[in-house]
Amino acid sequence: MNKNKIFFALLLSLAFFNTNAQTPQTLIEQMIAKLDKQAIDAKFVVGLQADRISDPDIYRGDILMKGSSFHLSMQGLQVFYDGTTQWSYQENSNEVSITTPSSEDLAGINPLAIIKQFKKRCNIEFYDKEKKEDSYIIVFYPKEEKSEINKLLVTINKKDMLPTKIVLEASQGNVTTLVLSSLELRTNIAPNSFDGTNKFPQAIINDLR
């Protein structure tokens, strides 16, 4: 093979490699598409820190989510969101608060909503300070100079393209770390899984819509 043919073959191989390379943006889109199509049932542990030095407050719970809808259960709190209306039940007061939450409100509860909220407002890159053989670690850096976050880290399992860890570092210094485990994709869920209507018939109802 002459030099011209070798050079041409090399260009073709590079072009093929580049068109099939996975970018962090496409990986995030693939993960979101999968979670929009199917429900995910998972256990979680969330740690809340005032800063990187202090010990985190730890909370454990379960979450069922599909797209923007979810049902969260955590230490005396249950939250249902059907895509429009949210029902929050506090066990200690036996009260249900009904609201129409904003996207910012949802981002504080639903991990998928956090990712969707910042997807268009951030530069998305592979995180070069930490690597895992079985996972992609992707970092979101805000485009705006004044943003409520410093960065958002998302860890995605390479095998099933499901999120396993989300770390949100706020501009004020506080850090939220969410670890998902026992993840299970579910195709068949009850139609009212995310509807909190009449879920707690004996509770006091606070309709704040």
N, C-alpha and C. Protein backbone atom coordinates (compact mmCIF):
# COMPACT_ATOMS: atom_id res chain seq x y z
N MET A 1 0.86 -1.20 0.00
CA MET A 1 0.00 0.00 0.00
C MET A 1 0.89 1.25 0.00
N ASN A 2 0.65 2.19 -0.93
CA ASN A 2 1.49 3.38 -0.97
C ASN A 2 1.09 4.37 0.12
N LYS A 3 1.94 5.41 0.23
CA LYS A 3 1.74 6.36 1.33
C LYS A 3 0.40 7.08 1.26
N ASN A 4 -0.06 7.41 0.03
CA ASN A 4 -1.34 8.10 -0.12
C ASN A 4 -2.50 7.24 0.38
N LYS A 5 -2.45 5.94 0.04
CA LYS A 5 -3.52 5.03 0.47
C LYS A 5 -3.50 4.84 1.98
N ILE A 6 -2.30 4.77 2.55
CA ILE A 6 -2.19 4.63 4.00
C ILE A 6 -2.79 5.85 4.71
N PHE A 7 -2.46 7.04 4.19
CA PHE A 7 -2.97 8.29 4.77
C PHE A 7 -4.49 8.36 4.67
N PHE A 8 -5.04 7.96 3.51
CA PHE A 8 -6.49 7.97 3.30
C PHE A 8 -7.19 6.99 4.25
N ALA A 9 -6.60 5.81 4.42
CA ALA A 9 -7.18 4.82 5.33
C ALA A 9 -7.16 5.33 6.77
N LEU A 10 -6.10 6.05 7.13
CA LEU A 10 -6.00 6.61 8.48
C LEU A 10 -7.09 7.66 8.71
N LEU A 11 -7.32 8.51 7.71
CA LEU A 11 -8.37 9.52 7.83
C LEU A 11 -9.73 8.88 8.01
N LEU A 12 -10.00 7.81 7.26
CA LEU A 12 -11.28 7.11 7.38
C LEU A 12 -11.46 6.52 8.77
N SER A 13 -10.41 5.93 9.29
CA SER A 13 -10.50 5.32 10.61
C SER A 13 -10.73 6.37 11.68
N LEU A 14 -10.08 7.54 11.56
CA LEU A 14 -10.29 8.62 12.52
C LEU A 14 -11.70 9.17 12.45
N ALA A 15 -12.21 9.31 11.23
CA ALA A 15 -13.58 9.81 11.05
C ALA A 15 -14.58 8.85 11.66
N PHE A 16 -14.35 7.56 11.47
CA PHE A 16 -15.26 6.55 12.02
C PHE A 16 -15.22 6.59 13.54
N PHE A 17 -14.03 6.74 14.10
CA PHE A 17 -13.88 6.79 15.55
C PHE A 17 -14.60 8.00 16.13
N ASN A 18 -14.44 9.16 15.48
CA ASN A 18 -15.05 10.38 16.00
C ASN A 18 -16.56 10.35 15.96
N THR A 19 -17.15 9.77 14.91
CA THR A 19 -18.61 9.74 14.80
C THR A 19 -19.22 8.77 15.80
N ASN A 20 -18.44 7.79 16.29
CA ASN A 20 -18.97 6.82 17.24
C ASN A 20 -18.55 7.10 18.68
N ALA A 21 -17.75 8.14 18.88
CA ALA A 21 -17.31 8.47 20.22
C ALA A 21 -18.48 8.98 21.05
N GLN A 22 -18.54 8.54 22.31
CA GLN A 22 -19.58 8.98 23.21
C GLN A 22 -19.15 10.28 23.88
N THR A 23 -19.93 11.31 23.72
CA THR A 23 -19.65 12.57 24.39
C THR A 23 -20.43 12.59 25.71
N PRO A 24 -20.03 13.41 26.67
CA PRO A 24 -20.79 13.48 27.93
C PRO A 24 -22.22 13.94 27.71
N GLN A 25 -22.43 14.82 26.73
CA GLN A 25 -23.79 15.29 26.44
C GLN A 25 -24.68 14.15 25.95
N THR A 26 -24.14 13.31 25.03
CA THR A 26 -24.96 12.21 24.50
C THR A 26 -25.23 11.16 25.58
N LEU A 27 -24.29 10.96 26.49
CA LEU A 27 -24.50 10.00 27.58
C LEU A 27 -25.61 10.48 28.51
N ILE A 28 -25.62 11.77 28.82
CA ILE A 28 -26.68 12.33 29.66
C ILE A 28 -28.03 12.20 28.96
N GLU A 29 -28.07 12.49 27.67
CA GLU A 29 -29.31 12.37 26.90
C GLU A 29 -29.81 10.92 26.88
N GLN A 30 -28.90 9.97 26.73
CA GLN A 30 -29.28 8.56 26.74
C GLN A 30 -29.88 8.15 28.09
N MET A 31 -29.25 8.61 29.16
CA MET A 31 -29.75 8.29 30.49
C MET A 31 -31.15 8.87 30.71
N ILE A 32 -31.33 10.15 30.34
CA ILE A 32 -32.63 10.81 30.50
C ILE A 32 -33.71 10.11 29.68
N ALA A 33 -33.37 9.75 28.43
CA ALA A 33 -34.34 9.06 27.57
C ALA A 33 -34.77 7.73 28.17
N LYS A 34 -33.83 7.03 28.78
CA LYS A 34 -34.15 5.74 29.40
C LYS A 34 -35.07 5.92 30.60
N LEU A 35 -34.80 6.94 31.41
CA LEU A 35 -35.62 7.18 32.59
C LEU A 35 -36.98 7.78 32.25
N ASP A 36 -37.08 8.45 31.11
CA ASP A 36 -38.37 8.97 30.66
C ASP A 36 -39.27 7.84 30.15
N LYS A 37 -38.64 6.81 29.59
CA LYS A 37 -39.40 5.72 28.98
C LYS A 37 -39.86 4.70 30.02
N GLN A 38 -39.00 4.41 30.98
CA GLN A 38 -39.31 3.40 31.98
C GLN A 38 -39.22 3.98 33.38
N ALA A 39 -39.95 3.35 34.30
CA ALA A 39 -39.88 3.77 35.70
C ALA A 39 -38.66 3.12 36.34
N ILE A 40 -38.08 3.83 37.29
CA ILE A 40 -36.96 3.29 38.05
C ILE A 40 -37.33 3.27 39.52
N ASP A 41 -37.10 2.13 40.15
CA ASP A 41 -37.38 1.93 41.57
C ASP A 41 -36.04 1.78 42.26
N ALA A 42 -35.77 2.59 43.28
CA ALA A 42 -34.44 2.57 43.89
C ALA A 42 -34.49 2.94 45.35
N LYS A 43 -33.49 2.46 46.08
CA LYS A 43 -33.24 2.94 47.42
C LYS A 43 -32.19 4.05 47.32
N PHE A 44 -32.19 4.94 48.29
CA PHE A 44 -31.20 6.01 48.23
C PHE A 44 -30.72 6.40 49.62
N VAL A 45 -29.54 6.98 49.63
CA VAL A 45 -28.99 7.62 50.82
C VAL A 45 -28.59 9.02 50.39
N VAL A 46 -29.04 10.03 51.13
CA VAL A 46 -28.67 11.40 50.80
C VAL A 46 -27.94 12.02 51.99
N GLY A 47 -26.83 12.66 51.69
CA GLY A 47 -26.05 13.35 52.71
C GLY A 47 -26.08 14.85 52.48
N LEU A 48 -26.36 15.62 53.52
CA LEU A 48 -26.43 17.08 53.43
C LEU A 48 -25.32 17.69 54.29
N GLN A 49 -24.44 18.45 53.66
CA GLN A 49 -23.34 19.07 54.36
C GLN A 49 -23.41 20.59 54.23
N ALA A 50 -23.10 21.29 55.32
CA ALA A 50 -23.01 22.74 55.25
C ALA A 50 -21.77 23.16 54.46
N ASP A 51 -20.75 22.29 54.48
CA ASP A 51 -19.53 22.51 53.70
C ASP A 51 -18.84 21.17 53.54
N ARG A 52 -17.68 21.17 52.86
CA ARG A 52 -16.96 19.93 52.61
C ARG A 52 -16.31 19.35 53.85
N ILE A 53 -16.18 20.15 54.90
CA ILE A 53 -15.48 19.72 56.10
C ILE A 53 -16.42 19.06 57.11
N SER A 54 -17.61 19.64 57.27
CA SER A 54 -18.53 19.16 58.30
C SER A 54 -19.08 17.78 57.98
N ASP A 55 -19.46 17.05 59.03
CA ASP A 55 -20.08 15.74 58.84
C ASP A 55 -21.48 15.92 58.26
N PRO A 56 -21.86 15.06 57.31
CA PRO A 56 -23.18 15.23 56.69
C PRO A 56 -24.31 14.70 57.55
N ASP A 57 -25.48 15.30 57.41
CA ASP A 57 -26.71 14.71 57.94
C ASP A 57 -27.16 13.66 56.93
N ILE A 58 -27.45 12.45 57.41
CA ILE A 58 -27.76 11.33 56.52
C ILE A 58 -29.24 10.98 56.59
N TYR A 59 -29.86 10.80 55.43
CA TYR A 59 -31.26 10.39 55.33
C TYR A 59 -31.35 9.23 54.33
N ARG A 60 -32.22 8.28 54.63
CA ARG A 60 -32.40 7.12 53.76
C ARG A 60 -33.85 7.02 53.32
N GLY A 61 -34.06 6.46 52.14
CA GLY A 61 -35.42 6.32 51.67
C GLY A 61 -35.52 5.52 50.39
N ASP A 62 -36.70 5.57 49.81
CA ASP A 62 -36.99 4.88 48.55
C ASP A 62 -37.61 5.88 47.59
N ILE A 63 -37.35 5.67 46.31
CA ILE A 63 -37.95 6.53 45.30
C ILE A 63 -38.35 5.71 44.08
N LEU A 64 -39.55 5.99 43.58
CA LEU A 64 -40.03 5.46 42.31
C LEU A 64 -40.23 6.66 41.40
N MET A 65 -39.58 6.67 40.24
CA MET A 65 -39.72 7.83 39.36
C MET A 65 -39.78 7.39 37.90
N LYS A 66 -40.51 8.19 37.15
CA LYS A 66 -40.59 8.01 35.71
C LYS A 66 -40.74 9.39 35.09
N GLY A 67 -39.76 9.77 34.29
CA GLY A 67 -39.78 11.12 33.75
C GLY A 67 -39.77 12.13 34.87
N SER A 68 -40.69 13.07 34.85
CA SER A 68 -40.75 14.09 35.90
C SER A 68 -41.58 13.65 37.11
N SER A 69 -42.32 12.56 36.98
CA SER A 69 -43.19 12.09 38.07
C SER A 69 -42.41 11.21 39.04
N PHE A 70 -42.83 11.22 40.31
CA PHE A 70 -42.12 10.40 41.29
C PHE A 70 -42.97 10.18 42.55
N HIS A 71 -42.56 9.16 43.31
CA HIS A 71 -43.08 8.94 44.66
C HIS A 71 -41.87 8.69 45.54
N LEU A 72 -41.69 9.54 46.53
CA LEU A 72 -40.55 9.46 47.44
C LEU A 72 -41.04 9.17 48.84
N SER A 73 -40.34 8.26 49.51
CA SER A 73 -40.66 7.93 50.90
C SER A 73 -39.37 8.01 51.72
N MET A 74 -39.38 8.83 52.79
CA MET A 74 -38.15 9.04 53.54
C MET A 74 -38.45 9.48 54.97
N GLN A 75 -38.23 8.61 55.93
CA GLN A 75 -38.25 8.94 57.35
C GLN A 75 -39.42 9.84 57.75
N GLY A 76 -40.62 9.32 57.62
CA GLY A 76 -41.81 10.06 58.04
C GLY A 76 -42.34 11.05 57.03
N LEU A 77 -41.75 11.07 55.83
CA LEU A 77 -42.19 11.96 54.77
C LEU A 77 -42.50 11.15 53.52
N GLN A 78 -43.63 11.45 52.91
CA GLN A 78 -43.95 10.86 51.60
C GLN A 78 -44.34 11.99 50.65
N VAL A 79 -43.79 11.94 49.44
CA VAL A 79 -44.07 12.97 48.44
C VAL A 79 -44.49 12.28 47.15
N PHE A 80 -45.64 12.70 46.63
CA PHE A 80 -46.13 12.25 45.33
C PHE A 80 -46.14 13.43 44.37
N TYR A 81 -45.72 13.20 43.13
CA TYR A 81 -45.80 14.25 42.11
C TYR A 81 -46.18 13.60 40.80
N ASP A 82 -47.28 14.06 40.20
CA ASP A 82 -47.80 13.42 38.99
C ASP A 82 -47.44 14.16 37.70
N GLY A 83 -46.54 15.13 37.83
CA GLY A 83 -46.17 15.94 36.66
C GLY A 83 -46.74 17.34 36.73
N THR A 84 -47.75 17.52 37.57
CA THR A 84 -48.38 18.85 37.75
C THR A 84 -48.54 19.19 39.23
N THR A 85 -49.13 18.28 39.98
CA THR A 85 -49.47 18.52 41.38
C THR A 85 -48.59 17.68 42.30
N GLN A 86 -48.22 18.28 43.43
CA GLN A 86 -47.41 17.57 44.42
C GLN A 86 -48.17 17.45 45.74
N TRP A 87 -48.12 16.25 46.32
CA TRP A 87 -48.71 15.97 47.63
C TRP A 87 -47.56 15.61 48.57
N SER A 88 -47.42 16.35 49.67
CA SER A 88 -46.37 16.06 50.66
C SER A 88 -47.03 15.70 51.98
N TYR A 89 -46.77 14.48 52.45
CA TYR A 89 -47.39 14.00 53.68
C TYR A 89 -46.34 13.94 54.79
N GLN A 90 -46.61 14.66 55.90
CA GLN A 90 -45.76 14.63 57.08
C GLN A 90 -46.41 13.74 58.13
N GLU A 91 -45.73 12.65 58.45
CA GLU A 91 -46.31 11.68 59.39
C GLU A 91 -46.47 12.26 60.79
N ASN A 92 -45.48 13.04 61.25
CA ASN A 92 -45.52 13.54 62.64
C ASN A 92 -46.68 14.50 62.89
N SER A 93 -47.11 15.23 61.86
CA SER A 93 -48.24 16.16 62.02
C SER A 93 -49.52 15.64 61.36
N ASN A 94 -49.40 14.51 60.65
CA ASN A 94 -50.54 13.92 59.93
C ASN A 94 -51.19 14.93 59.00
N GLU A 95 -50.35 15.64 58.23
CA GLU A 95 -50.83 16.66 57.31
C GLU A 95 -50.35 16.39 55.89
N VAL A 96 -51.21 16.69 54.92
CA VAL A 96 -50.85 16.63 53.51
C VAL A 96 -50.91 18.05 52.95
N SER A 97 -49.79 18.50 52.38
CA SER A 97 -49.75 19.80 51.72
C SER A 97 -49.79 19.58 50.21
N ILE A 98 -50.74 20.24 49.55
CA ILE A 98 -50.90 20.09 48.10
C ILE A 98 -50.42 21.38 47.44
N THR A 99 -49.46 21.25 46.52
CA THR A 99 -48.88 22.42 45.86
C THR A 99 -48.70 22.16 44.37
N THR A 100 -48.44 23.23 43.65
CA THR A 100 -47.99 23.14 42.25
C THR A 100 -46.55 23.63 42.24
N PRO A 101 -45.58 22.74 42.36
CA PRO A 101 -44.19 23.16 42.57
C PRO A 101 -43.55 23.75 41.32
N SER A 102 -42.58 24.63 41.55
CA SER A 102 -41.78 25.18 40.46
C SER A 102 -40.68 24.18 40.09
N SER A 103 -39.99 24.44 38.98
CA SER A 103 -38.90 23.56 38.57
C SER A 103 -37.79 23.56 39.61
N GLU A 104 -37.57 24.70 40.29
CA GLU A 104 -36.56 24.78 41.33
C GLU A 104 -36.96 23.92 42.53
N ASP A 105 -38.26 23.94 42.88
CA ASP A 105 -38.74 23.10 43.98
C ASP A 105 -38.51 21.63 43.66
N LEU A 106 -38.83 21.23 42.44
CA LEU A 106 -38.69 19.84 42.05
C LEU A 106 -37.24 19.39 42.03
N ALA A 107 -36.35 20.30 41.63
CA ALA A 107 -34.93 19.96 41.56
C ALA A 107 -34.36 19.64 42.94
N GLY A 108 -35.03 20.12 43.98
CA GLY A 108 -34.58 19.82 45.33
C GLY A 108 -35.03 18.46 45.82
N ILE A 109 -35.89 17.79 45.05
CA ILE A 109 -36.44 16.50 45.48
C ILE A 109 -36.11 15.38 44.50
N ASN A 110 -36.36 15.65 43.21
CA ASN A 110 -36.22 14.62 42.18
C ASN A 110 -34.85 14.72 41.51
N PRO A 111 -34.00 13.69 41.63
CA PRO A 111 -32.66 13.77 41.04
C PRO A 111 -32.66 13.96 39.54
N LEU A 112 -33.65 13.39 38.85
CA LEU A 112 -33.72 13.58 37.40
C LEU A 112 -34.06 15.02 37.04
N ALA A 113 -34.88 15.67 37.88
CA ALA A 113 -35.24 17.06 37.65
C ALA A 113 -34.02 17.97 37.80
N ILE A 114 -33.13 17.62 38.73
CA ILE A 114 -31.91 18.40 38.90
C ILE A 114 -31.10 18.39 37.62
N ILE A 115 -30.93 17.19 37.06
CA ILE A 115 -30.13 17.04 35.84
C ILE A 115 -30.78 17.78 34.68
N LYS A 116 -32.09 17.64 34.52
CA LYS A 116 -32.79 18.32 33.43
C LYS A 116 -32.71 19.83 33.57
N GLN A 117 -32.81 20.32 34.80
CA GLN A 117 -32.80 21.76 35.03
C GLN A 117 -31.48 22.39 34.61
N PHE A 118 -30.37 21.72 34.91
CA PHE A 118 -29.06 22.32 34.65
C PHE A 118 -28.46 21.90 33.31
N LYS A 119 -29.11 21.00 32.59
CA LYS A 119 -28.56 20.49 31.34
C LYS A 119 -28.31 21.59 30.32
N LYS A 120 -29.24 22.52 30.19
CA LYS A 120 -29.11 23.58 29.20
C LYS A 120 -28.36 24.80 29.73
N ARG A 121 -28.16 24.83 31.03
CA ARG A 121 -27.54 26.00 31.65
C ARG A 121 -26.08 25.78 32.01
N CYS A 122 -25.54 24.61 31.64
CA CYS A 122 -24.19 24.26 32.04
C CYS A 122 -23.37 23.73 30.87
N ASN A 123 -22.06 23.85 30.99
CA ASN A 123 -21.14 23.12 30.12
C ASN A 123 -20.97 21.73 30.72
N ILE A 124 -21.07 20.71 29.88
CA ILE A 124 -21.04 19.33 30.34
C ILE A 124 -19.76 18.67 29.86
N GLU A 125 -19.00 18.10 30.79
CA GLU A 125 -17.71 17.51 30.46
C GLU A 125 -17.51 16.20 31.23
N PHE A 126 -16.55 15.40 30.76
CA PHE A 126 -16.12 14.27 31.56
C PHE A 126 -15.28 14.81 32.73
N TYR A 127 -15.47 14.23 33.91
CA TYR A 127 -14.76 14.69 35.10
C TYR A 127 -13.40 14.03 35.14
N ASP A 128 -12.34 14.83 35.05
CA ASP A 128 -10.99 14.27 34.94
C ASP A 128 -10.30 14.08 36.28
N LYS A 129 -10.95 14.47 37.39
CA LYS A 129 -10.32 14.32 38.70
C LYS A 129 -10.64 12.99 39.36
N GLU A 130 -11.55 12.24 38.77
CA GLU A 130 -11.93 10.93 39.32
C GLU A 130 -12.38 10.05 38.17
N LYS A 131 -11.95 8.79 38.17
CA LYS A 131 -12.32 7.87 37.11
C LYS A 131 -12.72 6.52 37.71
N LYS A 132 -13.69 5.85 37.07
CA LYS A 132 -14.10 4.51 37.46
C LYS A 132 -14.21 3.65 36.22
N GLU A 133 -13.77 2.41 36.32
CA GLU A 133 -13.80 1.52 35.15
C GLU A 133 -15.23 1.19 34.74
N ASP A 134 -16.13 1.08 35.70
CA ASP A 134 -17.49 0.64 35.39
C ASP A 134 -18.47 1.79 35.23
N SER A 135 -18.00 3.03 35.33
CA SER A 135 -18.93 4.17 35.32
C SER A 135 -18.36 5.35 34.54
N TYR A 136 -19.29 6.16 34.04
CA TYR A 136 -18.94 7.48 33.51
C TYR A 136 -19.17 8.49 34.63
N ILE A 137 -18.23 9.40 34.81
CA ILE A 137 -18.43 10.50 35.76
C ILE A 137 -18.44 11.79 34.95
N ILE A 138 -19.57 12.48 35.00
CA ILE A 138 -19.80 13.65 34.17
C ILE A 138 -20.05 14.85 35.06
N VAL A 139 -19.45 15.99 34.71
CA VAL A 139 -19.58 17.18 35.53
C VAL A 139 -20.26 18.29 34.74
N PHE A 140 -21.14 19.02 35.42
CA PHE A 140 -21.84 20.18 34.87
C PHE A 140 -21.22 21.43 35.50
N TYR A 141 -20.73 22.35 34.69
CA TYR A 141 -20.25 23.63 35.17
C TYR A 141 -21.18 24.72 34.66
N PRO A 142 -21.70 25.60 35.53
CA PRO A 142 -22.65 26.63 35.07
C PRO A 142 -22.01 27.61 34.11
N LYS A 143 -22.79 28.02 33.10
CA LYS A 143 -22.31 29.00 32.13
C LYS A 143 -22.34 30.41 32.71
N GLU A 144 -23.31 30.68 33.58
CA GLU A 144 -23.44 32.01 34.15
C GLU A 144 -22.39 32.24 35.25
N GLU A 145 -21.92 33.46 35.35
CA GLU A 145 -20.95 33.78 36.40
C GLU A 145 -21.60 33.68 37.78
N LYS A 146 -22.83 34.16 37.88
CA LYS A 146 -23.55 34.08 39.15
C LYS A 146 -24.58 32.96 39.04
N SER A 147 -24.26 31.84 39.66
CA SER A 147 -25.14 30.67 39.60
C SER A 147 -25.30 30.12 41.01
N GLU A 148 -26.43 29.42 41.22
CA GLU A 148 -26.67 28.83 42.53
C GLU A 148 -25.82 27.59 42.78
N ILE A 149 -25.14 27.08 41.72
CA ILE A 149 -24.28 25.91 41.91
C ILE A 149 -22.86 26.20 41.43
N ASN A 150 -21.91 25.51 42.05
CA ASN A 150 -20.53 25.51 41.56
C ASN A 150 -20.34 24.41 40.53
N LYS A 151 -20.87 23.24 40.85
CA LYS A 151 -20.83 22.14 39.89
C LYS A 151 -21.80 21.04 40.31
N LEU A 152 -22.15 20.22 39.33
CA LEU A 152 -23.01 19.07 39.53
C LEU A 152 -22.31 17.86 38.94
N LEU A 153 -22.10 16.83 39.75
CA LEU A 153 -21.44 15.60 39.30
C LEU A 153 -22.46 14.47 39.19
N VAL A 154 -22.46 13.79 38.06
CA VAL A 154 -23.38 12.68 37.82
C VAL A 154 -22.58 11.44 37.46
N THR A 155 -22.75 10.37 38.21
CA THR A 155 -22.10 9.09 37.92
C THR A 155 -23.12 8.15 37.29
N ILE A 156 -22.77 7.60 36.11
CA ILE A 156 -23.68 6.73 35.35
C ILE A 156 -23.02 5.37 35.18
N ASN A 157 -23.74 4.32 35.52
CA ASN A 157 -23.24 2.96 35.31
C ASN A 157 -23.14 2.64 33.82
N LYS A 158 -21.99 2.20 33.36
CA LYS A 158 -21.79 1.94 31.93
C LYS A 158 -22.66 0.78 31.42
N LYS A 159 -22.94 -0.17 32.29
CA LYS A 159 -23.66 -1.37 31.86
C LYS A 159 -25.12 -1.09 31.54
N ASP A 160 -25.81 -0.34 32.41
CA ASP A 160 -27.25 -0.13 32.23
C ASP A 160 -27.63 1.33 31.98
N MET A 161 -26.64 2.23 32.00
CA MET A 161 -26.87 3.66 31.77
C MET A 161 -27.82 4.29 32.79
N LEU A 162 -27.77 3.80 34.03
CA LEU A 162 -28.59 4.36 35.10
C LEU A 162 -27.71 5.17 36.05
N PRO A 163 -28.24 6.26 36.61
CA PRO A 163 -27.45 7.07 37.54
C PRO A 163 -27.27 6.35 38.87
N THR A 164 -26.08 6.41 39.44
CA THR A 164 -25.82 5.79 40.73
C THR A 164 -25.41 6.79 41.80
N LYS A 165 -24.96 7.97 41.38
CA LYS A 165 -24.54 8.98 42.35
C LYS A 165 -24.66 10.38 41.74
N ILE A 166 -25.17 11.31 42.54
CA ILE A 166 -25.29 12.70 42.11
C ILE A 166 -24.77 13.58 43.26
N VAL A 167 -23.84 14.46 42.94
CA VAL A 167 -23.28 15.37 43.94
C VAL A 167 -23.51 16.80 43.46
N LEU A 168 -24.19 17.59 44.29
CA LEU A 168 -24.48 18.98 43.96
C LEU A 168 -23.73 19.88 44.93
N GLU A 169 -22.81 20.67 44.39
CA GLU A 169 -22.08 21.64 45.20
C GLU A 169 -22.67 23.03 44.93
N ALA A 170 -23.29 23.59 45.94
CA ALA A 170 -23.93 24.90 45.79
C ALA A 170 -22.92 26.01 45.94
N SER A 171 -23.26 27.17 45.39
CA SER A 171 -22.35 28.31 45.45
C SER A 171 -22.17 28.82 46.88
N GLN A 172 -23.15 28.56 47.76
CA GLN A 172 -23.04 28.98 49.16
C GLN A 172 -22.10 28.08 49.96
N GLY A 173 -21.69 26.95 49.37
CA GLY A 173 -20.75 26.05 50.03
C GLY A 173 -21.34 24.74 50.49
N ASN A 174 -22.68 24.64 50.59
CA ASN A 174 -23.27 23.39 51.03
C ASN A 174 -23.24 22.34 49.92
N VAL A 175 -23.17 21.07 50.32
CA VAL A 175 -23.02 19.95 49.39
C VAL A 175 -24.10 18.91 49.66
N THR A 176 -24.76 18.47 48.60
CA THR A 176 -25.75 17.40 48.69
C THR A 176 -25.24 16.21 47.89
N THR A 177 -25.15 15.06 48.54
CA THR A 177 -24.68 13.84 47.89
C THR A 177 -25.78 12.79 47.92
N LEU A 178 -26.20 12.34 46.75
CA LEU A 178 -27.26 11.34 46.63
C LEU A 178 -26.66 10.07 46.03
N VAL A 179 -26.81 8.95 46.74
CA VAL A 179 -26.34 7.66 46.25
C VAL A 179 -27.55 6.75 46.05
N LEU A 180 -27.72 6.26 44.83
CA LEU A 180 -28.83 5.36 44.50
C LEU A 180 -28.34 3.92 44.47
N SER A 181 -29.13 3.02 45.01
CA SER A 181 -28.76 1.60 45.01
C SER A 181 -30.00 0.75 44.78
N SER A 182 -29.79 -0.54 44.55
CA SER A 182 -30.89 -1.49 44.28
C SER A 182 -31.79 -0.97 43.17
N LEU A 183 -31.18 -0.42 42.13
CA LEU A 183 -31.95 0.16 41.04
C LEU A 183 -32.63 -0.94 40.22
N GLU A 184 -33.90 -0.74 39.96
CA GLU A 184 -34.68 -1.69 39.18
C GLU A 184 -35.57 -0.94 38.18
N LEU A 185 -35.45 -1.30 36.91
CA LEU A 185 -36.32 -0.71 35.89
C LEU A 185 -37.65 -1.44 35.91
N ARG A 186 -38.75 -0.69 35.86
CA ARG A 186 -40.08 -1.30 35.89
C ARG A 186 -40.90 -0.77 34.72
N THR A 187 -41.47 -1.69 33.96
CA THR A 187 -42.29 -1.30 32.81
C THR A 187 -43.76 -1.20 33.19
N ASN A 188 -44.17 -1.98 34.18
CA ASN A 188 -45.58 -1.97 34.60
C ASN A 188 -45.71 -1.41 36.01
N ILE A 189 -46.32 -0.25 36.13
CA ILE A 189 -46.59 0.33 37.44
C ILE A 189 -48.06 0.75 37.48
N ALA A 190 -48.61 0.83 38.68
CA ALA A 190 -50.01 1.21 38.83
C ALA A 190 -50.24 2.62 38.28
N PRO A 191 -51.39 2.86 37.63
CA PRO A 191 -51.67 4.18 37.04
C PRO A 191 -51.63 5.33 38.04
N ASN A 192 -51.96 5.04 39.30
CA ASN A 192 -52.00 6.11 40.31
C ASN A 192 -50.75 6.12 41.20
N SER A 193 -49.65 5.56 40.71
CA SER A 193 -48.43 5.47 41.52
C SER A 193 -47.91 6.83 41.95
N PHE A 194 -48.16 7.87 41.16
CA PHE A 194 -47.62 9.19 41.44
C PHE A 194 -48.71 10.19 41.85
N ASP A 195 -49.92 9.69 42.06
CA ASP A 195 -51.06 10.52 42.42
C ASP A 195 -51.32 10.37 43.92
N GLY A 196 -51.23 11.48 44.65
CA GLY A 196 -51.42 11.42 46.10
C GLY A 196 -52.85 11.60 46.55
N THR A 197 -53.80 11.70 45.61
CA THR A 197 -55.21 11.91 45.96
C THR A 197 -55.73 10.75 46.79
N ASN A 198 -56.30 11.06 47.95
CA ASN A 198 -56.92 10.08 48.84
C ASN A 198 -55.96 9.00 49.33
N LYS A 199 -54.66 9.27 49.27
CA LYS A 199 -53.70 8.30 49.79
C LYS A 199 -53.70 8.30 51.32
N PHE A 200 -54.07 9.43 51.93
CA PHE A 200 -54.06 9.56 53.39
C PHE A 200 -55.40 10.16 53.83
N PRO A 201 -56.46 9.34 53.83
CA PRO A 201 -57.82 9.86 54.06
C PRO A 201 -58.03 10.47 55.45
N GLN A 202 -57.22 10.07 56.45
CA GLN A 202 -57.40 10.61 57.79
C GLN A 202 -56.55 11.85 58.05
N ALA A 203 -55.77 12.27 57.06
CA ALA A 203 -54.84 13.39 57.28
C ALA A 203 -55.53 14.75 57.11
N ILE A 204 -54.94 15.78 57.72
CA ILE A 204 -55.38 17.15 57.53
C ILE A 204 -54.87 17.63 56.16
N ILE A 205 -55.74 18.21 55.35
CA ILE A 205 -55.38 18.63 54.01
C ILE A 205 -55.11 20.14 53.98
N ASN A 206 -53.93 20.52 53.50
CA ASN A 206 -53.59 21.93 53.28
C ASN A 206 -53.42 22.13 51.79
N ASP A 207 -54.44 22.67 51.14
CA ASP A 207 -54.38 22.89 49.70
C ASP A 207 -53.80 24.28 49.44
N LEU A 208 -52.55 24.31 48.99
CA LEU A 208 -51.82 25.57 48.81
C LEU A 208 -51.68 25.96 47.34
N ARG A 209 -52.46 25.36 46.47
CA ARG A 209 -52.37 25.68 45.04
C ARG A 209 -52.97 27.06 44.76
